[in-house]
């Protein structure tokens, strides 16, 4: 339940901090990383500068599972869309990854976090976007995280285009 609260809080914070821009994308999905080897809830928000360049922030909250292990990542990526055909766009991405991992033990008195570790890395990958309609896009991404916690990550989800420029 704690992950759901963090998910909602992160979505709200991302939405508030990027709300001053005009072409905002807000959404979420699921991702899977080979490092924690678990499924994660993902929230994301971005600003589309033009048809080729988008800045995207996403946060991933990996499920604890039965490994007593907790991982969270925050990614700051630039997407360069190099192929556009009708409703489909293919892009390369690169950026910065911040990771927090910790062992988690549950006791009668609550949760105890042991040995927390933070790391930084670089993201390098590619993705695709499909416009279902004017306001909703689906996305798929695959990236490799190179740094303190090397791993391959795939993600899928949807974003809502706020289109604040329309009059």
Foldseek 3Di string as FASTA:
>chain_A
DVLVVVVVVVQVVVCVVPVVDFWKKWWWFWKAKPQVRFIWTKTKMWDDPDPFKIWMKMKTWGDCPPQQKTKIKIWTKMWGFDDDDDFKTKTKMKTKMKMKMFRWDQDPVGIDTPDIDIWMWMKTWMKMWGDPDPFKIKMWIWIWTGTDRTIIMIIIIMITTPRRVDD
